């Protein structure tokens, strides 16, 4: 049974539930099966040449290029064979599409409106056999646009291929290094990383010393081997656009590889099974409500109330821990500020150590102050990790014990609700409890969704786990915590670099005899104070996001079990309805058996 045939059999089952979210999820899944797509994201500093590479791919200037930063928002390019010409759209923050003239597109690409999430270009046919690719041109990481960092973070984890572009002469600069540290924490086995060295002088090969330096540094930052692609500088013989045929050939081979096709098939099969599970839960809830005695209902309601109390207790644990961290963080930042200034002052006042003021200022600017700040950021990381690891251990114990006890009690006391609990437990093990599969597919699954790429689906379509309640909470929070902690380091380093530029770098031009040390120390104080203020605010903001992730994970663990009693929908429970319920459960079991035999059920 092929995927599309399975969908034809699954559709009637989903439609019978009359659940609009499930029906929408099935429709979006069907679109993903009919139109498999891969996401390719271009990253790099401003003016590294990302946009020019895309224009070179098409052989014409489809995107605006200038010496100033030209990409003010993410620009998405995708193939649509219903269009005869390149057509522009603005995807708005309310998820609506607004058609644009090409002139309007040019303006919006530099200065997007406040209601614009990203821009789209519909292409009649992708060149270089890149069918099924959605290509995203992103703003530079070092760009002046405040919203770029958040935009990029939405696309990196959802990519199948990341193409990172650097300039041959500039190489991997400080902004690149900071950003690649962030990229590293979002790479996984399903994301392919290509490094493009752009504007390479003619005759240079991959064995060139400069190329090997760039590639080596990139591999050190990402902790993995990197496949480099060289793009020659535009020659003066009439050529206007860079040529990167090897890059696009490799990209095409990657997104159309048999491994990636098989991976996508496996993931989509998993979603079909998850929809089938949700349909089964829907009917089992109705059947239990119809058949259960009044005593059984009262018992289940009592157990639900007890479980909800445990959920409230767990939520309070999360709120209390994060509130404590938020209160303590300013104290840590103040301590780091004070200690960093003391250590720099000690170093600066070692008069015999420095041959000149310029030497000392350069040492403090490029090395010593940044090292002190990094040590302080590590101290903050250690504190947050200790607090959240302790919280996680307490939550693991509470959640696992509470849910296992709930499941055991219900199955021991009610034959009617035991099948409901079994079905819900299976869905929790697959991480699609309650509305998870509906919201997941609504957000990521349809054609052109924000995360419809193969890698993103594979990351979210998780395998069955052998033990339903084996530290599931800690696995979720561990990944989120690791990314949060890595971001503190990157944010801290970036903020101190900016602060140094403002507070110290100019001193070298105003050095006065016997006064430079005091001016340098005052510059350090100003820089560290700015670092403290900006980084503390950013960490607090990200901490709140991490707290919401913890609460969402907590809800996913509890809510599926808390909702095992079908809501009273004023539906008349009679023999006709119970016949329909039993018939639907038989159809679900029949389809699952067929899917298992043909390797679709997982």
Protein backbone atom coordinates (compact mmCIF):
# COMPACT_ATOMS: atom_id res chain seq x y z
CA UNK A 1 0.00 0.00 0.00
CA UNK A 2 1.58 3.28 -1.12
CA UNK A 3 1.32 6.48 0.92
CA UNK A 4 -1.36 8.00 -1.29
CA UNK A 5 -3.43 4.80 -1.24
CA UNK A 6 -3.17 4.74 2.55
CA UNK A 7 -4.40 8.35 2.66
CA UNK A 8 -7.44 7.42 0.55
CA UNK A 9 -8.37 4.80 3.17
CA UNK A 10 -7.51 7.09 6.06
CA UNK A 11 -9.57 10.06 4.86
CA UNK A 12 -13.04 8.48 5.46
CA UNK A 13 -11.99 7.44 8.98
CA UNK A 14 -10.81 10.95 9.83
CA UNK A 15 -13.89 12.56 8.27
CA UNK A 16 -16.20 10.42 10.38
CA UNK A 17 -14.73 11.94 13.55
CA UNK A 18 -16.07 15.36 12.46
CA UNK A 19 -13.00 16.82 14.16
CA UNK A 20 -12.04 19.86 12.08
CA UNK A 21 -8.46 19.97 13.34
CA UNK A 22 -7.89 16.31 12.49
CA UNK A 23 -9.48 16.82 9.07
CA UNK A 24 -7.22 19.81 8.42
CA UNK A 25 -4.17 17.81 9.53
CA UNK A 26 -5.11 14.99 7.15
CA UNK A 27 -5.46 17.46 4.28
CA UNK A 28 -2.06 19.02 5.00
CA UNK A 29 -0.46 15.59 5.27
CA UNK A 30 -1.96 14.65 1.92
CA UNK A 31 -0.38 17.77 0.40
CA UNK A 32 3.00 16.81 1.83
CA UNK A 33 2.70 13.35 0.30
CA UNK A 34 1.67 14.76 -3.09
CA UNK A 35 4.30 17.56 -3.07
CA UNK A 36 7.44 16.44 -1.21
CA UNK A 37 9.74 19.40 -0.63
CA UNK A 38 13.13 20.14 0.84
CA UNK A 39 14.26 23.36 2.48
CA UNK A 40 17.57 24.98 1.52
CA UNK A 41 18.67 28.03 3.53
CA UNK A 42 21.44 30.47 2.59
CA UNK A 43 23.28 32.04 5.51
CA UNK A 44 26.23 34.39 5.89
CA UNK A 45 27.28 37.90 6.75
CA UNK A 46 25.86 40.92 5.00
CA UNK A 47 27.31 41.34 1.49
CA UNK A 48 28.91 37.88 1.48
CA UNK A 49 27.22 37.37 -1.88
CA UNK A 50 24.25 35.13 -1.02
CA UNK A 51 21.80 37.04 -3.19
CA UNK A 52 24.23 37.14 -6.13
CA UNK A 53 24.59 33.35 -5.93
CA UNK A 54 20.82 32.96 -6.31
CA UNK A 55 20.77 35.34 -9.26
CA UNK A 56 23.63 33.37 -10.80
CA UNK A 57 21.62 30.16 -10.38
CA UNK A 58 18.76 31.66 -12.41
CA UNK A 59 21.02 33.42 -14.89
CA UNK A 60 19.21 36.70 -14.26
CA UNK A 61 18.75 39.25 -11.51
CA UNK A 62 15.58 38.03 -9.81
CA UNK A 63 16.64 39.49 -6.44
CA UNK A 64 17.93 43.05 -5.85
CA UNK A 65 21.68 43.48 -5.31
CA UNK A 66 23.69 46.51 -4.17
CA UNK A 67 26.81 47.35 -2.15
CA UNK A 68 24.61 47.99 0.91
CA UNK A 69 22.65 45.32 2.79
CA UNK A 70 19.83 44.42 0.41
CA UNK A 71 17.93 41.61 2.10
CA UNK A 72 15.74 43.06 4.84
CA UNK A 73 13.72 39.91 5.40
CA UNK A 74 13.72 36.24 4.45
CA UNK A 75 12.94 35.75 0.75
CA UNK A 76 11.52 32.36 -0.19
CA UNK A 77 11.78 31.00 -3.74
CA UNK A 78 9.76 27.95 -4.73
CA UNK A 79 8.62 26.17 -7.86
CA UNK A 80 5.00 26.50 -8.94
CA UNK A 81 4.25 25.05 -12.36
CA UNK A 82 0.86 26.76 -12.37
CA UNK A 83 2.61 30.11 -12.87
CA UNK A 84 3.93 31.18 -16.28
CA UNK A 85 6.07 34.01 -14.94
CA UNK A 86 7.91 34.82 -11.74
CA UNK A 87 5.26 36.06 -9.31
CA UNK A 88 5.84 37.91 -6.03
CA UNK A 89 3.93 37.70 -2.75
CA UNK A 90 4.22 38.95 0.81
CA UNK A 91 3.47 36.32 3.46
CA UNK A 92 1.91 38.33 6.27
CA UNK A 93 2.20 37.65 9.99
CA UNK A 94 -1.48 36.68 10.04
CA UNK A 95 -0.60 33.84 7.58
CA UNK A 96 -2.32 35.55 4.62
CA UNK A 97 -0.72 36.07 1.20
CA UNK A 98 -0.65 39.48 -0.46
CA UNK A 99 0.20 39.63 -4.20
CA UNK A 100 2.93 42.15 -5.06
CA UNK A 101 4.12 43.80 -8.23
CA UNK A 102 7.82 43.28 -8.89
CA UNK A 103 8.40 46.94 -8.06
CA UNK A 104 6.65 46.48 -4.71
CA UNK A 105 8.70 43.35 -4.14
CA UNK A 106 11.94 45.28 -4.70
CA UNK A 107 10.91 47.86 -2.09
CA UNK A 108 9.67 45.30 0.44
CA UNK A 109 12.85 43.21 0.12
CA UNK A 110 14.86 46.16 1.47
CA UNK A 111 12.30 47.67 3.83
CA UNK A 112 9.62 45.10 4.72
CA UNK A 113 6.38 46.34 6.21
CA UNK A 114 5.61 45.66 9.85
CA UNK A 115 2.94 43.14 8.91
CA UNK A 116 5.28 41.14 6.63
CA UNK A 117 6.68 37.84 7.87
CA UNK A 118 8.64 37.05 4.70
CA UNK A 119 8.50 37.48 0.92
CA UNK A 120 7.88 34.81 -1.68
CA UNK A 121 8.80 34.42 -5.31
CA UNK A 122 6.90 31.79 -7.26
CA UNK A 123 9.15 30.35 -9.99
CA UNK A 124 7.66 28.46 -12.98
CA UNK A 125 10.60 26.04 -13.03
CA UNK A 126 13.66 25.70 -10.82
CA UNK A 127 16.98 25.41 -12.72
CA UNK A 128 19.68 22.79 -12.14
CA UNK A 129 17.15 20.00 -11.57
CA UNK A 130 16.23 21.52 -8.19
CA UNK A 131 12.59 20.43 -8.35
CA UNK A 132 11.05 20.16 -4.90
CA UNK A 133 13.39 22.74 -3.36
CA UNK A 134 12.28 25.77 -1.37
CA UNK A 135 15.18 28.19 -1.21
CA UNK A 136 15.47 30.86 1.48
CA UNK A 137 17.69 33.90 1.11
CA UNK A 138 18.26 35.32 4.60
CA UNK A 139 19.47 38.64 6.00
CA UNK A 140 23.08 38.75 7.10
CA UNK A 141 23.76 37.82 10.72
CA UNK A 142 25.66 41.09 11.24
CA UNK A 143 22.96 43.16 9.57
CA UNK A 144 21.55 46.27 11.18
CA UNK A 145 18.01 44.86 11.16
CA UNK A 146 16.97 43.98 14.71
CA UNK A 147 14.53 41.27 13.68
CA UNK A 148 16.97 39.22 11.61
CA UNK A 149 18.29 37.07 14.43
CA UNK A 150 14.85 35.79 15.38
CA UNK A 151 13.92 35.22 11.73
CA UNK A 152 17.02 33.11 11.14
CA UNK A 153 16.36 30.99 14.20
CA UNK A 154 13.03 29.95 12.75
CA UNK A 155 14.62 28.63 9.57
CA UNK A 156 17.91 27.03 10.57
CA UNK A 157 16.38 24.13 12.54
CA UNK A 158 13.88 23.47 9.74
CA UNK A 159 16.40 23.20 6.92
CA UNK A 160 17.44 20.14 4.94
CA UNK A 161 20.51 21.86 3.49
CA UNK A 162 22.33 24.89 4.91
CA UNK A 163 24.57 26.82 2.52
CA UNK A 164 26.88 29.14 4.42
CA UNK A 165 28.60 31.81 2.31
CA UNK A 166 31.86 33.57 3.21
CA UNK A 167 34.12 35.90 1.26
CA UNK A 168 37.54 34.57 0.22
CA UNK A 169 39.44 37.61 1.46
CA UNK A 170 37.45 38.08 4.68
CA UNK A 171 37.10 34.40 5.53
CA UNK A 172 35.17 33.40 8.65
CA UNK A 173 34.99 36.63 10.63
CA UNK A 174 33.96 37.24 14.21
CA UNK A 175 30.26 37.51 13.35
CA UNK A 176 30.48 34.31 11.31
CA UNK A 177 32.15 32.49 14.19
CA UNK A 178 29.46 33.61 16.66
CA UNK A 179 26.70 32.59 14.31
CA UNK A 180 28.25 29.21 13.46
CA UNK A 181 28.41 28.47 17.18
CA UNK A 182 24.65 28.91 17.18
CA UNK A 183 24.21 26.86 13.97
CA UNK A 184 26.22 24.02 15.50
CA UNK A 185 23.61 23.46 18.22
CA UNK A 186 20.85 23.11 15.61
CA UNK A 187 22.62 20.75 13.22
CA UNK A 188 21.67 17.11 13.33
CA UNK A 189 22.19 14.07 11.13
CA UNK A 190 19.43 15.06 8.71
CA UNK A 191 20.83 18.52 7.87
CA UNK A 192 23.56 18.81 5.24
CA UNK A 193 26.00 21.73 5.61
CA UNK A 194 27.79 23.26 2.59
CA UNK A 195 30.41 26.00 2.92
CA UNK A 196 30.70 28.35 -0.06
CA UNK A 197 33.84 30.46 -0.39
CA UNK A 198 32.71 33.27 -2.67
CA UNK A 199 34.67 35.69 -4.87
CA UNK A 200 37.69 33.43 -5.15
CA UNK A 201 40.49 34.67 -7.46
CA UNK A 202 40.83 32.73 -10.70
CA UNK A 203 43.09 29.69 -10.50
CA UNK A 204 42.62 29.07 -6.77
CA UNK A 205 41.80 25.45 -5.83
CA UNK A 206 40.61 23.73 -2.66
CA UNK A 207 44.28 23.01 -1.83
CA UNK A 208 45.06 26.71 -1.58
CA UNK A 209 46.40 27.65 1.88
CA UNK A 210 43.72 30.32 2.39
CA UNK A 211 40.93 27.87 1.49
CA UNK A 212 42.32 25.24 3.86
CA UNK A 213 42.46 27.83 6.65
CA UNK A 214 38.83 28.83 6.13
CA UNK A 215 37.59 25.25 5.93
CA UNK A 216 39.67 24.18 8.93
CA UNK A 217 38.32 27.01 11.08
CA UNK A 218 34.76 26.17 10.04
CA UNK A 219 35.27 22.51 10.94
CA UNK A 220 36.65 23.48 14.33
CA UNK A 221 33.58 25.64 15.01
CA UNK A 222 31.04 23.04 13.86
CA UNK A 223 32.90 19.94 15.06
CA UNK A 224 32.28 18.16 11.77
CA UNK A 225 33.77 17.76 8.32
CA UNK A 226 32.69 20.43 5.83
CA UNK A 227 32.29 20.15 2.08
CA UNK A 228 33.57 23.42 0.52
CA UNK A 229 32.54 24.93 -2.81
CA UNK A 230 34.56 27.64 -4.52
CA UNK A 231 32.86 30.38 -6.54
CA UNK A 232 35.17 32.50 -8.69
CA UNK A 233 35.08 36.27 -8.71
CA UNK A 234 33.12 37.78 -11.57
CA UNK A 235 35.50 38.32 -14.45
CA UNK A 236 35.65 41.42 -16.57
CA UNK A 237 34.77 39.66 -19.84
CA UNK A 238 31.08 40.48 -19.72
CA UNK A 239 30.16 37.96 -17.04
CA UNK A 240 27.87 39.65 -14.52
CA UNK A 241 26.68 36.82 -12.27
CA UNK A 242 28.67 34.26 -10.27
CA UNK A 243 28.52 30.65 -11.39
CA UNK A 244 28.17 27.87 -8.80
CA UNK A 245 27.17 24.86 -10.86
CA UNK A 246 28.95 22.37 -8.57
CA UNK A 247 27.09 23.73 -5.55
CA UNK A 248 23.67 23.46 -7.17
CA UNK A 249 24.46 20.00 -8.52
CA UNK A 250 25.43 18.81 -5.04
CA UNK A 251 22.32 20.43 -3.57
CA UNK A 252 20.11 18.69 -6.13
CA UNK A 253 21.76 15.33 -5.43
CA UNK A 254 21.31 15.80 -1.69
CA UNK A 255 17.62 16.74 -1.67
CA UNK A 256 16.77 14.01 -4.20
CA UNK A 257 18.97 11.27 -2.76
CA UNK A 258 17.41 7.86 -2.19
CA UNK A 259 18.26 8.13 1.52
CA UNK A 260 16.36 11.39 1.90
CA UNK A 261 13.40 10.08 -0.11
CA UNK A 262 13.26 6.96 2.08
CA UNK A 263 13.56 9.09 5.19
CA UNK A 264 10.68 11.32 4.11
CA UNK A 265 8.54 8.27 3.31
CA UNK A 266 9.19 6.81 6.77
CA UNK A 267 8.28 10.07 8.47
CA UNK A 268 5.07 10.55 6.50
CA UNK A 269 4.08 6.98 7.27
CA UNK A 270 4.56 7.85 10.92
CA UNK A 271 2.17 10.77 10.61
CA UNK A 272 -0.42 8.54 8.99
CA UNK A 273 -0.17 6.22 11.98
CA UNK A 274 -0.44 9.13 14.38
CA UNK A 275 -3.63 10.35 12.71
CA UNK A 276 -4.99 6.84 12.94
CA UNK A 277 -4.12 6.79 16.65
CA UNK A 278 -5.95 10.08 17.19
CA UNK A 279 -9.04 8.75 15.42
CA UNK A 280 -8.95 5.66 17.64
CA UNK A 281 -8.72 7.79 20.81
CA UNK A 282 -11.68 9.86 19.58
CA UNK A 283 -13.95 6.82 19.24
CA UNK A 284 -12.70 5.02 22.34
CA UNK A 285 -13.55 8.07 24.45
CA UNK A 286 -17.09 8.05 23.07
CA UNK A 287 -17.44 4.31 23.61
CA UNK A 288 -16.21 4.55 27.22
CA UNK A 289 -18.59 7.41 28.00
CA UNK A 290 -21.49 5.46 26.53
CA UNK A 291 -20.77 2.15 28.27
CA UNK A 292 -19.32 3.18 31.64
CA UNK A 293 -21.46 2.95 34.74
CA UNK A 294 -22.10 5.95 36.94
CA UNK A 295 -19.71 4.49 39.54
CA UNK A 296 -16.97 4.12 36.93
CA UNK A 297 -17.46 7.69 35.76
CA UNK A 298 -17.23 9.00 39.30
CA UNK A 299 -14.06 6.97 39.93
CA UNK A 300 -12.39 8.22 36.74
CA UNK A 301 -13.38 11.81 37.48
CA UNK A 302 -11.87 11.48 40.97
CA UNK A 303 -8.61 10.18 39.49
CA UNK A 304 -8.57 12.96 36.93
CA UNK A 305 -8.96 15.50 39.72
CA UNK A 306 -6.04 13.94 41.62
CA UNK A 307 -3.87 13.97 38.49
CA UNK A 308 -4.75 17.60 37.82
CA UNK A 309 -3.55 18.48 41.33
CA UNK A 310 -0.20 16.90 40.46
CA UNK A 311 -0.10 18.95 37.27
CA UNK A 312 -0.71 22.17 39.24
CA UNK A 313 2.06 21.17 41.64
CA UNK A 314 4.46 20.57 38.75
CA UNK A 315 3.57 23.92 37.13
CA UNK A 316 4.22 25.67 40.44
CA UNK A 317 7.63 23.98 40.65
CA UNK A 318 8.51 25.36 37.23
CA UNK A 319 7.28 28.89 38.02
CA UNK A 320 9.13 28.98 41.35
CA UNK A 321 12.44 27.79 39.89
CA UNK A 322 12.40 30.21 36.97
CA UNK A 323 11.36 33.08 39.23
CA UNK A 324 14.28 32.33 41.54
CA UNK A 325 16.71 32.32 38.61
CA UNK A 326 15.33 35.62 37.32
CA UNK A 327 15.81 37.22 40.75
CA UNK A 328 19.36 35.89 41.12
CA UNK A 329 20.63 36.72 37.62
CA UNK A 330 21.17 40.49 38.21
CA UNK A 331 23.33 39.61 41.23
CA UNK A 332 25.49 37.35 39.08
CA UNK A 333 25.83 40.05 36.42
CA UNK A 334 26.78 42.66 39.01
CA UNK A 335 29.40 40.34 40.46
CA UNK A 336 30.85 39.64 37.00
CA UNK A 337 30.88 43.36 36.17
CA UNK A 338 32.76 44.22 39.35
CA UNK A 339 35.22 41.32 39.09
CA UNK A 340 35.99 41.96 35.40
CA UNK A 341 36.84 45.61 36.01
CA UNK A 342 39.08 44.67 38.99
CA UNK A 343 40.97 42.07 36.95
CA UNK A 344 41.44 44.41 33.97
CA UNK A 345 42.62 47.22 36.24
CA UNK A 346 45.23 44.92 37.80
CA UNK A 347 46.47 43.97 34.35
CA UNK A 348 46.58 47.55 33.03
CA UNK A 349 48.52 48.89 36.05
CA UNK A 350 51.40 46.47 35.56
CA UNK A 351 53.45 49.30 34.05
CA UNK A 352 56.59 47.25 33.41
CA UNK A 353 54.60 44.71 31.38
CA UNK A 354 53.68 47.06 28.54
CA UNK A 355 56.01 48.57 25.97
CA UNK A 356 53.34 51.07 24.88
CA UNK A 357 49.82 52.24 25.59
CA UNK A 358 48.75 50.94 22.20
CA UNK A 359 49.94 47.44 23.10
CA UNK A 360 47.99 47.39 26.38
CA UNK A 361 44.79 48.79 24.86
CA UNK A 362 44.91 46.25 22.03
CA UNK A 363 45.49 43.40 24.51
CA UNK A 364 42.53 44.46 26.68
CA UNK A 365 40.34 45.11 23.65
CA UNK A 366 40.94 41.91 21.70
CA UNK A 367 41.72 39.41 24.44
CA UNK A 368 41.72 40.08 28.15
CA UNK A 369 38.32 41.72 28.71
CA UNK A 370 36.58 39.21 26.45
CA UNK A 371 38.20 36.38 28.40
CA UNK A 372 36.95 37.82 31.70
CA UNK A 373 33.44 38.15 30.29
CA UNK A 374 33.53 34.61 28.92
CA UNK A 375 34.49 33.30 32.35
CA UNK A 376 31.56 35.23 33.81
CA UNK A 377 29.14 33.89 31.18
CA UNK A 378 30.34 30.35 32.00
CA UNK A 379 29.58 31.05 35.66
CA UNK A 380 26.03 32.11 34.76
CA UNK A 381 25.61 29.02 32.58
CA UNK A 382 26.73 26.76 35.42
CA UNK A 383 24.27 28.37 37.83
CA UNK A 384 21.30 28.08 35.46
CA UNK A 385 22.19 24.52 34.53
CA UNK A 386 22.40 23.47 38.18
CA UNK A 387 19.01 24.99 38.99
CA UNK A 388 17.23 23.56 35.95
CA UNK A 389 18.84 20.14 36.24
CA UNK A 390 17.59 19.95 39.82
CA UNK A 391 14.13 21.06 38.67
CA UNK A 392 14.17 18.48 35.91
CA UNK A 393 15.01 15.65 38.30
CA UNK A 394 12.14 16.65 40.59
CA UNK A 395 9.71 16.91 37.68
CA UNK A 396 10.77 13.53 36.31
CA UNK A 397 9.98 11.88 39.60
CA UNK A 398 6.67 13.68 40.04
CA UNK A 399 5.37 13.29 36.47
CA UNK A 400 6.38 9.70 35.88
CA UNK A 401 5.01 8.56 39.22
CA UNK A 402 1.75 10.52 38.87
CA UNK A 403 0.93 9.30 35.36
CA UNK A 404 1.94 5.69 35.96
CA UNK A 405 -0.22 5.59 39.09
CA UNK A 406 -3.12 7.15 37.18
CA UNK A 407 -2.84 4.62 34.35
CA UNK A 408 -2.57 1.69 36.78
CA UNK A 409 -5.56 2.80 38.85
CA UNK A 410 -7.82 3.37 35.83
CA UNK A 411 -6.94 0.07 34.15
CA UNK A 412 -7.47 -1.85 37.38
CA UNK A 413 -10.88 -0.33 38.13
CA UNK A 414 -12.51 0.26 34.73
CA UNK A 415 -12.66 -2.13 31.80
CA UNK A 416 -14.39 0.61 29.80
CA UNK A 417 -11.64 3.23 30.19
CA UNK A 418 -8.67 0.82 30.08
CA UNK A 419 -8.61 0.84 26.23
CA UNK A 420 -8.74 4.66 26.27
CA UNK A 421 -5.75 4.84 28.60
CA UNK A 422 -3.84 2.32 26.46
CA UNK A 423 -4.46 4.37 23.32
CA UNK A 424 -3.48 7.61 25.02
CA UNK A 425 -0.34 6.02 26.47
CA UNK A 426 0.71 4.94 22.98
CA UNK A 427 0.17 8.45 21.65
CA UNK A 428 2.18 9.94 24.54
CA UNK A 429 4.99 7.51 23.73
CA UNK A 430 4.89 8.80 20.15
CA UNK A 431 4.69 12.40 21.40
CA UNK A 432 1.43 13.12 19.63
CA UNK A 433 -0.80 13.25 22.68
CA UNK A 434 -4.04 15.22 22.52
CA UNK A 435 -3.81 17.94 19.84
CA UNK A 436 -0.08 17.61 19.18
CA UNK A 437 -0.40 15.93 15.78
CA UNK A 438 -3.05 18.44 14.72
CA UNK A 439 -1.03 21.51 15.64
CA UNK A 440 2.21 19.96 14.37
CA UNK A 441 0.87 19.30 10.90
CA UNK A 442 -0.97 22.61 10.83
CA UNK A 443 2.30 24.41 11.55
CA UNK A 444 4.75 22.28 9.59
CA UNK A 445 3.11 19.72 7.42
CA UNK A 446 1.41 21.41 4.49
CA UNK A 447 2.96 22.42 1.23
CA UNK A 448 5.12 25.42 1.92
CA UNK A 449 4.64 25.32 5.68
CA UNK A 450 7.28 26.98 7.83
CA UNK A 451 8.94 23.65 8.50
CA UNK A 452 7.84 21.33 5.73
CA UNK A 453 11.37 20.19 4.93
CA UNK A 454 12.35 16.54 5.21
CA UNK A 455 14.80 17.15 8.04
CA UNK A 456 12.29 19.08 10.06
CA UNK A 457 9.64 16.40 9.70
CA UNK A 458 12.14 13.72 10.63
CA UNK A 459 13.15 15.64 13.73
CA UNK A 460 9.54 16.01 14.83
CA UNK A 461 8.24 12.59 13.75
CA UNK A 462 9.88 10.70 16.59
CA UNK A 463 10.20 6.92 16.88
CA UNK A 464 8.25 4.81 19.30
CA UNK A 465 9.92 4.49 22.65
CA UNK A 466 10.12 1.16 24.43
CA UNK A 467 9.14 2.55 27.79
CA UNK A 468 6.31 5.05 27.76
CA UNK A 469 7.36 7.05 30.80
CA UNK A 470 11.13 6.66 30.75
CA UNK A 471 12.47 10.16 31.39
CA UNK A 472 10.49 11.60 28.49
CA UNK A 473 10.30 14.99 30.15
CA UNK A 474 14.05 15.30 30.63
CA UNK A 475 14.80 14.46 26.99
CA UNK A 476 12.68 17.36 25.79
CA UNK A 477 14.03 19.86 28.25
CA UNK A 478 17.65 18.79 27.81
CA UNK A 479 17.69 19.85 24.13
CA UNK A 480 16.01 23.16 24.87
CA UNK A 481 18.36 23.85 27.78
CA UNK A 482 21.47 23.05 25.73
CA UNK A 483 20.43 25.53 23.03
CA UNK A 484 19.56 28.16 25.64
CA UNK A 485 22.94 27.86 27.37
CA UNK A 486 24.87 27.99 24.10
CA UNK A 487 23.00 31.14 23.16
CA UNK A 488 24.03 32.86 26.41
CA UNK A 489 27.68 32.44 25.43
CA UNK A 490 27.15 33.69 21.88
CA UNK A 491 25.00 36.63 23.00
CA UNK A 492 27.46 37.59 25.73
CA UNK A 493 30.45 37.54 23.38
CA UNK A 494 28.62 39.54 20.74
CA UNK A 495 27.43 42.16 23.24
CA UNK A 496 30.87 42.71 24.78
CA UNK A 497 32.38 43.06 21.28
CA UNK A 498 29.86 45.79 20.47
CA UNK A 499 30.39 47.46 23.83
CA UNK A 500 34.18 47.45 23.38
CA UNK A 501 33.78 49.13 20.02
CA UNK A 502 31.84 51.93 21.68
CA UNK A 503 33.76 52.21 24.93
CA UNK A 504 37.41 51.40 24.21
CA UNK A 505 38.50 51.23 20.57
CA UNK A 506 38.55 54.99 20.06
CA UNK A 507 40.97 55.49 22.94
CA UNK A 508 43.98 54.62 20.88
CA UNK A 509 43.51 57.89 18.97
CA UNK A 510 43.31 60.10 22.06
CA UNK A 511 46.16 58.76 24.17
CA UNK A 512 47.71 61.34 26.45
CA UNK A 513 50.88 60.83 28.48
CA UNK A 514 50.27 59.36 31.97
CA UNK A 515 46.49 59.46 31.46
CA UNK A 516 45.80 56.56 29.15
CA UNK A 517 45.47 53.99 31.94
CA UNK A 518 42.67 55.85 33.69
CA UNK A 519 40.87 56.45 30.40
CA UNK A 520 41.22 52.78 29.49
CA UNK A 521 39.77 51.65 32.82
CA UNK A 522 36.85 54.07 32.45
CA UNK A 523 36.29 52.69 28.95
CA UNK A 524 36.28 49.17 30.37
CA UNK A 525 33.75 50.18 33.05
CA UNK A 526 31.50 51.69 30.39
CA UNK A 527 31.79 48.64 28.14
CA UNK A 528 31.11 46.12 30.90
CA UNK A 529 28.15 48.13 32.18
CA UNK A 530 26.63 48.13 28.69
CA UNK A 531 27.33 44.39 28.35
CA UNK A 532 25.66 43.72 31.72
CA UNK A 533 22.53 45.68 30.87
CA UNK A 534 21.98 44.27 27.38
CA UNK A 535 22.95 40.66 28.10
CA UNK A 536 20.90 40.46 31.29
CA UNK A 537 17.81 41.60 29.38
CA UNK A 538 18.41 39.09 26.59
CA UNK A 539 18.99 36.21 29.00
CA UNK A 540 15.80 37.05 30.94
CA UNK A 541 13.83 37.13 27.68
CA UNK A 542 15.21 33.77 26.57
CA UNK A 543 14.69 32.34 30.04
CA UNK A 544 10.98 33.15 29.80
CA UNK A 545 10.82 31.36 26.44
CA UNK A 546 12.53 28.33 27.99
CA UNK A 547 10.01 28.40 30.83
CA UNK A 548 7.16 28.32 28.31
CA UNK A 549 8.78 25.33 26.60
CA UNK A 550 8.93 23.55 29.95
CA UNK A 551 5.27 24.32 30.60
CA UNK A 552 4.27 23.14 27.12
CA UNK A 553 6.12 19.87 27.65
CA UNK A 554 4.46 19.48 31.03
CA UNK A 555 1.02 20.07 29.49
CA UNK A 556 1.66 17.49 26.78
CA UNK A 557 2.43 14.89 29.44
CA UNK A 558 -0.64 15.53 31.56
CA UNK A 559 -3.40 16.81 29.30
CA UNK A 560 -3.88 13.69 27.19
CA UNK A 561 -4.74 11.71 30.33
CA UNK A 562 -6.77 14.52 31.88
CA UNK A 563 -9.06 14.50 28.83
CA UNK A 564 -9.89 10.77 28.67
CA UNK A 565 -13.53 11.53 29.43
CA UNK A 566 -15.28 12.67 26.28
CA UNK A 567 -16.69 16.18 26.67
CA UNK A 568 -20.47 16.30 26.84
CA UNK A 569 -21.42 17.34 23.31
CA UNK A 570 -25.16 16.81 23.86
CA UNK A 571 -24.96 13.87 21.48
CA UNK A 572 -27.69 11.26 21.93
CA UNK A 573 -26.05 7.97 22.92
CA UNK A 574 -28.16 5.20 21.42
CA UNK A 575 -27.72 1.84 19.71
CA UNK A 576 -27.17 3.54 16.35
CA UNK A 577 -24.28 5.58 17.71
CA UNK A 578 -22.63 2.65 19.52
CA UNK A 579 -22.91 0.63 16.30
CA UNK A 580 -21.14 3.44 14.43
CA UNK A 581 -18.43 3.64 17.12
CA UNK A 582 -17.76 -0.10 16.95
CA UNK A 583 -17.76 -0.01 13.17
CA UNK A 584 -15.21 2.82 13.12
CA UNK A 585 -12.96 1.02 15.61
CA UNK A 586 -13.12 -2.08 13.42
CA UNK A 587 -12.18 -0.02 10.36
CA UNK A 588 -9.25 1.52 12.24
CA UNK A 589 -8.00 -1.89 13.35
CA UNK A 590 -8.42 -3.29 9.85
CA UNK A 591 -6.44 -0.42 8.29
CA UNK A 592 -3.73 -0.65 10.95
CA UNK A 593 -3.35 -4.39 10.27
CA UNK A 594 -2.99 -3.79 6.53
CA UNK A 595 -0.46 -0.98 7.13
CA UNK A 596 1.56 -3.19 9.46
CA UNK A 597 1.69 -6.01 6.93
CA UNK A 598 2.86 -3.63 4.21
CA UNK A 599 5.41 -1.89 6.41
CA UNK A 600 3.56 1.39 6.84
CA UNK A 601 2.56 1.03 10.49
CA UNK A 602 5.47 1.76 12.83
